[in-house]
Amino acid sequence: MGLLIRFVISAFSLGLAARLIPGIHVRDWTTLFMAAFLLGIVNAIVKPILILLTFPITVLTLGLFLLVLNAAMLGLVARLLPGFSIDGFVPAVLGWLVMAVAGAILNGLI
């Protein structure tokens, strides 16, 4: 049940980011839920590998490079999923920030 709640929170926060950030486009609700699902898979499989590979630059930037990695994960999902697009790096970073804040607030409420 907890996994389903986290999935819905992720989909809601992604939808909120798409509404607030110009440059993030989601075609419909189905695409939104598919993007949230794919983002969960990418964050579980690809992101840990990239964190390990980019550890030295992450240490040099005092962790700020993780913003780039999170935006890249969102961009990867946009590249893989038709109907979900991001117009550049800045919308990806801002979208991730909106998703992180909304997700933290909603997870805190539950």
N, C-alpha and C. Protein backbone atom coordinates (compact mmCIF):
# COMPACT_ATOMS: atom_id res chain seq x y z
N MET A 1 0.82 -1.19 0.00
CA MET A 1 0.00 0.00 0.00
C MET A 1 0.87 1.26 0.00
N GLY A 2 1.98 1.23 0.74
CA GLY A 2 2.88 2.38 0.79
C GLY A 2 3.49 2.71 -0.56
N LEU A 3 3.78 1.67 -1.34
CA LEU A 3 4.34 1.88 -2.67
C LEU A 3 3.34 2.59 -3.58
N LEU A 4 2.09 2.20 -3.49
CA LEU A 4 1.04 2.84 -4.28
C LEU A 4 0.87 4.31 -3.89
N ILE A 5 0.94 4.59 -2.60
CA ILE A 5 0.81 5.98 -2.13
C ILE A 5 1.98 6.81 -2.65
N ARG A 6 3.18 6.27 -2.58
CA ARG A 6 4.35 7.00 -3.10
C ARG A 6 4.25 7.23 -4.61
N PHE A 7 3.69 6.26 -5.32
CA PHE A 7 3.50 6.41 -6.77
C PHE A 7 2.52 7.55 -7.06
N VAL A 8 1.43 7.60 -6.33
CA VAL A 8 0.44 8.67 -6.53
C VAL A 8 1.04 10.02 -6.17
N ILE A 9 1.83 10.08 -5.10
CA ILE A 9 2.50 11.33 -4.72
C ILE A 9 3.47 11.76 -5.81
N SER A 10 4.20 10.82 -6.37
CA SER A 10 5.14 11.14 -7.45
C SER A 10 4.40 11.65 -8.68
N ALA A 11 3.29 11.01 -9.03
CA ALA A 11 2.51 11.44 -10.18
C ALA A 11 1.92 12.83 -9.94
N PHE A 12 1.42 13.08 -8.72
CA PHE A 12 0.86 14.38 -8.40
C PHE A 12 1.93 15.47 -8.47
N SER A 13 3.10 15.19 -7.90
CA SER A 13 4.16 16.20 -7.90
C SER A 13 4.68 16.46 -9.31
N LEU A 14 4.71 15.44 -10.15
CA LEU A 14 5.11 15.63 -11.55
C LEU A 14 4.06 16.46 -12.29
N GLY A 15 2.80 16.19 -12.03
CA GLY A 15 1.73 16.99 -12.64
C GLY A 15 1.78 18.44 -12.18
N LEU A 16 2.08 18.65 -10.90
CA LEU A 16 2.22 20.01 -10.38
C LEU A 16 3.39 20.72 -11.05
N ALA A 17 4.48 20.02 -11.23
CA ALA A 17 5.64 20.62 -11.91
C ALA A 17 5.29 20.97 -13.36
N ALA A 18 4.52 20.11 -14.01
CA ALA A 18 4.13 20.39 -15.40
C ALA A 18 3.21 21.62 -15.47
N ARG A 19 2.39 21.82 -14.44
CA ARG A 19 1.49 22.98 -14.43
C ARG A 19 2.24 24.27 -14.10
N LEU A 20 3.23 24.19 -13.23
CA LEU A 20 3.90 25.40 -12.75
C LEU A 20 5.09 25.83 -13.61
N ILE A 21 5.80 24.89 -14.19
CA ILE A 21 7.04 25.20 -14.90
C ILE A 21 6.78 25.22 -16.41
N PRO A 22 6.94 26.38 -17.03
CA PRO A 22 6.84 26.40 -18.50
C PRO A 22 8.03 25.63 -19.08
N GLY A 23 7.76 24.78 -20.03
CA GLY A 23 8.81 23.98 -20.63
C GLY A 23 8.68 22.50 -20.30
N ILE A 24 7.77 22.16 -19.39
CA ILE A 24 7.47 20.75 -19.10
C ILE A 24 6.07 20.48 -19.62
N HIS A 25 5.97 19.53 -20.52
CA HIS A 25 4.69 19.25 -21.18
C HIS A 25 4.30 17.79 -21.00
N VAL A 26 3.08 17.57 -20.53
CA VAL A 26 2.54 16.23 -20.38
C VAL A 26 1.25 16.19 -21.18
N ARG A 27 1.13 15.20 -22.07
CA ARG A 27 -0.02 15.13 -22.97
C ARG A 27 -1.32 14.87 -22.23
N ASP A 28 -1.38 13.87 -21.36
CA ASP A 28 -2.62 13.52 -20.67
C ASP A 28 -2.31 12.79 -19.37
N TRP A 29 -3.37 12.37 -18.67
CA TRP A 29 -3.20 11.71 -17.37
C TRP A 29 -2.48 10.37 -17.50
N THR A 30 -2.76 9.64 -18.56
CA THR A 30 -2.10 8.36 -18.77
C THR A 30 -0.59 8.55 -18.90
N THR A 31 -0.21 9.53 -19.68
CA THR A 31 1.21 9.84 -19.85
C THR A 31 1.83 10.27 -18.53
N LEU A 32 1.09 11.03 -17.75
CA LEU A 32 1.59 11.48 -16.45
C LEU A 32 1.88 10.29 -15.53
N PHE A 33 0.97 9.33 -15.46
CA PHE A 33 1.19 8.17 -14.60
C PHE A 33 2.29 7.27 -15.15
N MET A 34 2.38 7.15 -16.48
CA MET A 34 3.46 6.37 -17.07
C MET A 34 4.81 7.03 -16.80
N ALA A 35 4.87 8.37 -16.85
CA ALA A 35 6.11 9.10 -16.58
C ALA A 35 6.52 8.92 -15.12
N ALA A 36 5.55 8.96 -14.20
CA ALA A 36 5.87 8.76 -12.79
C ALA A 36 6.40 7.34 -12.55
N PHE A 37 5.80 6.36 -13.19
CA PHE A 37 6.25 4.98 -13.06
C PHE A 37 7.66 4.81 -13.62
N LEU A 38 7.88 5.35 -14.82
CA LEU A 38 9.19 5.24 -15.46
C LEU A 38 10.26 6.01 -14.67
N LEU A 39 9.88 7.15 -14.09
CA LEU A 39 10.82 7.90 -13.26
C LEU A 39 11.22 7.10 -12.03
N GLY A 40 10.29 6.38 -11.46
CA GLY A 40 10.63 5.52 -10.32
C GLY A 40 11.60 4.42 -10.70
N ILE A 41 11.41 3.82 -11.87
CA ILE A 41 12.31 2.78 -12.34
C ILE A 41 13.70 3.35 -12.63
N VAL A 42 13.74 4.49 -13.32
CA VAL A 42 15.02 5.12 -13.65
C VAL A 42 15.76 5.52 -12.38
N ASN A 43 15.03 6.07 -11.41
CA ASN A 43 15.69 6.47 -10.16
C ASN A 43 16.18 5.26 -9.37
N ALA A 44 15.55 4.11 -9.54
CA ALA A 44 15.96 2.92 -8.80
C ALA A 44 17.13 2.19 -9.47
N ILE A 45 17.24 2.28 -10.79
CA ILE A 45 18.25 1.50 -11.50
C ILE A 45 19.40 2.36 -12.03
N VAL A 46 19.08 3.40 -12.77
CA VAL A 46 20.12 4.18 -13.45
C VAL A 46 20.80 5.17 -12.50
N LYS A 47 20.02 5.83 -11.67
CA LYS A 47 20.57 6.88 -10.82
C LYS A 47 21.67 6.40 -9.87
N PRO A 48 21.52 5.25 -9.18
CA PRO A 48 22.62 4.82 -8.31
C PRO A 48 23.92 4.56 -9.06
N ILE A 49 23.82 4.06 -10.26
CA ILE A 49 25.02 3.83 -11.07
C ILE A 49 25.69 5.15 -11.41
N LEU A 50 24.89 6.14 -11.82
CA LEU A 50 25.45 7.45 -12.16
C LEU A 50 26.02 8.16 -10.93
N ILE A 51 25.39 7.99 -9.79
CA ILE A 51 25.92 8.59 -8.57
C ILE A 51 27.29 8.01 -8.25
N LEU A 52 27.42 6.71 -8.41
CA LEU A 52 28.70 6.06 -8.15
C LEU A 52 29.77 6.54 -9.14
N LEU A 53 29.40 6.65 -10.42
CA LEU A 53 30.36 7.07 -11.44
C LEU A 53 30.77 8.53 -11.30
N THR A 54 29.87 9.36 -10.81
CA THR A 54 30.16 10.79 -10.72
C THR A 54 30.49 11.22 -9.29
N PHE A 55 30.83 10.29 -8.44
CA PHE A 55 31.12 10.62 -7.05
C PHE A 55 32.21 11.68 -6.88
N PRO A 56 33.32 11.59 -7.64
CA PRO A 56 34.36 12.62 -7.45
C PRO A 56 33.88 14.04 -7.76
N ILE A 57 33.14 14.21 -8.84
CA ILE A 57 32.65 15.56 -9.16
C ILE A 57 31.59 16.01 -8.17
N THR A 58 30.83 15.07 -7.63
CA THR A 58 29.84 15.41 -6.61
C THR A 58 30.52 15.90 -5.34
N VAL A 59 31.62 15.27 -4.98
CA VAL A 59 32.37 15.71 -3.80
C VAL A 59 32.99 17.09 -4.05
N LEU A 60 33.55 17.30 -5.25
CA LEU A 60 34.17 18.59 -5.57
C LEU A 60 33.16 19.73 -5.56
N THR A 61 31.92 19.44 -5.95
CA THR A 61 30.90 20.49 -5.99
C THR A 61 30.07 20.53 -4.71
N LEU A 62 30.52 19.79 -3.70
CA LEU A 62 29.84 19.73 -2.40
C LEU A 62 28.38 19.27 -2.54
N GLY A 63 28.14 18.36 -3.46
CA GLY A 63 26.82 17.77 -3.62
C GLY A 63 25.93 18.46 -4.62
N LEU A 64 26.33 19.62 -5.13
CA LEU A 64 25.47 20.35 -6.07
C LEU A 64 25.31 19.63 -7.40
N PHE A 65 26.25 18.76 -7.73
CA PHE A 65 26.14 18.01 -8.98
C PHE A 65 24.94 17.06 -8.95
N LEU A 66 24.45 16.74 -7.77
CA LEU A 66 23.27 15.89 -7.69
C LEU A 66 22.04 16.56 -8.30
N LEU A 67 22.01 17.90 -8.30
CA LEU A 67 20.95 18.62 -9.01
C LEU A 67 20.97 18.29 -10.49
N VAL A 68 22.17 18.25 -11.04
CA VAL A 68 22.33 17.92 -12.45
C VAL A 68 21.88 16.48 -12.72
N LEU A 69 22.25 15.56 -11.84
CA LEU A 69 21.86 14.16 -12.01
C LEU A 69 20.34 13.99 -11.93
N ASN A 70 19.71 14.66 -10.98
CA ASN A 70 18.26 14.55 -10.86
C ASN A 70 17.56 15.14 -12.08
N ALA A 71 18.05 16.26 -12.58
CA ALA A 71 17.49 16.84 -13.80
C ALA A 71 17.72 15.91 -14.98
N ALA A 72 18.87 15.25 -15.02
CA ALA A 72 19.16 14.32 -16.11
C ALA A 72 18.22 13.11 -16.07
N MET A 73 17.86 12.65 -14.88
CA MET A 73 16.91 11.53 -14.77
C MET A 73 15.54 11.94 -15.30
N LEU A 74 15.13 13.15 -15.00
CA LEU A 74 13.86 13.65 -15.52
C LEU A 74 13.94 13.82 -17.04
N GLY A 75 15.06 14.30 -17.53
CA GLY A 75 15.26 14.42 -18.97
C GLY A 75 15.29 13.08 -19.68
N LEU A 76 15.88 12.08 -19.03
CA LEU A 76 15.92 10.73 -19.61
C LEU A 76 14.51 10.17 -19.77
N VAL A 77 13.68 10.37 -18.76
CA VAL A 77 12.30 9.91 -18.85
C VAL A 77 11.57 10.64 -19.98
N ALA A 78 11.83 11.93 -20.12
CA ALA A 78 11.21 12.70 -21.19
C ALA A 78 11.65 12.19 -22.57
N ARG A 79 12.90 11.75 -22.67
CA ARG A 79 13.38 11.21 -23.96
C ARG A 79 12.77 9.86 -24.27
N LEU A 80 12.52 9.07 -23.24
CA LEU A 80 12.03 7.70 -23.44
C LEU A 80 10.52 7.63 -23.65
N LEU A 81 9.78 8.60 -23.15
CA LEU A 81 8.32 8.51 -23.14
C LEU A 81 7.70 9.53 -24.09
N PRO A 82 7.03 9.05 -25.14
CA PRO A 82 6.34 9.99 -26.02
C PRO A 82 5.17 10.64 -25.27
N GLY A 83 4.95 11.91 -25.52
CA GLY A 83 3.88 12.64 -24.85
C GLY A 83 4.35 13.38 -23.62
N PHE A 84 5.59 13.16 -23.21
CA PHE A 84 6.18 13.86 -22.07
C PHE A 84 7.46 14.50 -22.57
N SER A 85 7.54 15.83 -22.46
CA SER A 85 8.74 16.50 -22.97
C SER A 85 9.17 17.61 -22.03
N ILE A 86 10.46 17.87 -22.07
CA ILE A 86 11.07 18.95 -21.30
C ILE A 86 11.91 19.75 -22.27
N ASP A 87 11.74 21.08 -22.25
CA ASP A 87 12.36 21.93 -23.26
C ASP A 87 13.80 22.32 -22.99
N GLY A 88 14.40 21.85 -21.91
CA GLY A 88 15.79 22.20 -21.67
C GLY A 88 16.23 21.85 -20.26
N PHE A 89 17.44 22.28 -19.95
CA PHE A 89 18.04 21.95 -18.66
C PHE A 89 17.38 22.71 -17.51
N VAL A 90 17.14 23.99 -17.70
CA VAL A 90 16.56 24.80 -16.62
C VAL A 90 15.16 24.31 -16.24
N PRO A 91 14.26 24.05 -17.21
CA PRO A 91 12.96 23.49 -16.80
C PRO A 91 13.09 22.13 -16.11
N ALA A 92 14.09 21.34 -16.48
CA ALA A 92 14.29 20.05 -15.83
C ALA A 92 14.71 20.24 -14.38
N VAL A 93 15.62 21.17 -14.11
CA VAL A 93 16.07 21.43 -12.74
C VAL A 93 14.92 22.01 -11.91
N LEU A 94 14.21 22.98 -12.47
CA LEU A 94 13.09 23.57 -11.75
C LEU A 94 11.97 22.56 -11.52
N GLY A 95 11.73 21.71 -12.51
CA GLY A 95 10.73 20.65 -12.36
C GLY A 95 11.11 19.68 -11.27
N TRP A 96 12.38 19.32 -11.21
CA TRP A 96 12.82 18.42 -10.15
C TRP A 96 12.67 19.07 -8.79
N LEU A 97 13.00 20.37 -8.69
CA LEU A 97 12.86 21.08 -7.42
C LEU A 97 11.40 21.12 -6.96
N VAL A 98 10.48 21.38 -7.89
CA VAL A 98 9.06 21.38 -7.54
C VAL A 98 8.63 19.99 -7.10
N MET A 99 9.08 18.98 -7.81
CA MET A 99 8.72 17.61 -7.44
C MET A 99 9.29 17.25 -6.06
N ALA A 100 10.50 17.66 -5.77
CA ALA A 100 11.11 17.34 -4.49
C ALA A 100 10.38 18.02 -3.34
N VAL A 101 10.05 19.29 -3.50
CA VAL A 101 9.37 20.02 -2.44
C VAL A 101 7.95 19.48 -2.24
N ALA A 102 7.22 19.31 -3.34
CA ALA A 102 5.85 18.79 -3.23
C ALA A 102 5.84 17.38 -2.65
N GLY A 103 6.77 16.55 -3.09
CA GLY A 103 6.86 15.18 -2.56
C GLY A 103 7.20 15.16 -1.09
N ALA A 104 8.11 16.03 -0.67
CA ALA A 104 8.47 16.08 0.76
C ALA A 104 7.29 16.54 1.61
N ILE A 105 6.56 17.53 1.13
CA ILE A 105 5.40 18.02 1.88
C ILE A 105 4.33 16.95 1.98
N LEU A 106 4.03 16.31 0.85
CA LEU A 106 2.98 15.27 0.86
C LEU A 106 3.39 14.04 1.66
N ASN A 107 4.65 13.65 1.55
CA ASN A 107 5.12 12.52 2.36
C ASN A 107 5.09 12.86 3.85
N GLY A 108 5.35 14.11 4.18
CA GLY A 108 5.29 14.55 5.57
C GLY A 108 3.86 14.54 6.11
N LEU A 109 2.91 14.83 5.25
CA LEU A 109 1.51 14.82 5.67
C LEU A 109 0.98 13.41 5.88
N ILE A 110 1.54 12.47 5.16
CA ILE A 110 1.06 11.08 5.25
C ILE A 110 1.90 10.34 6.19
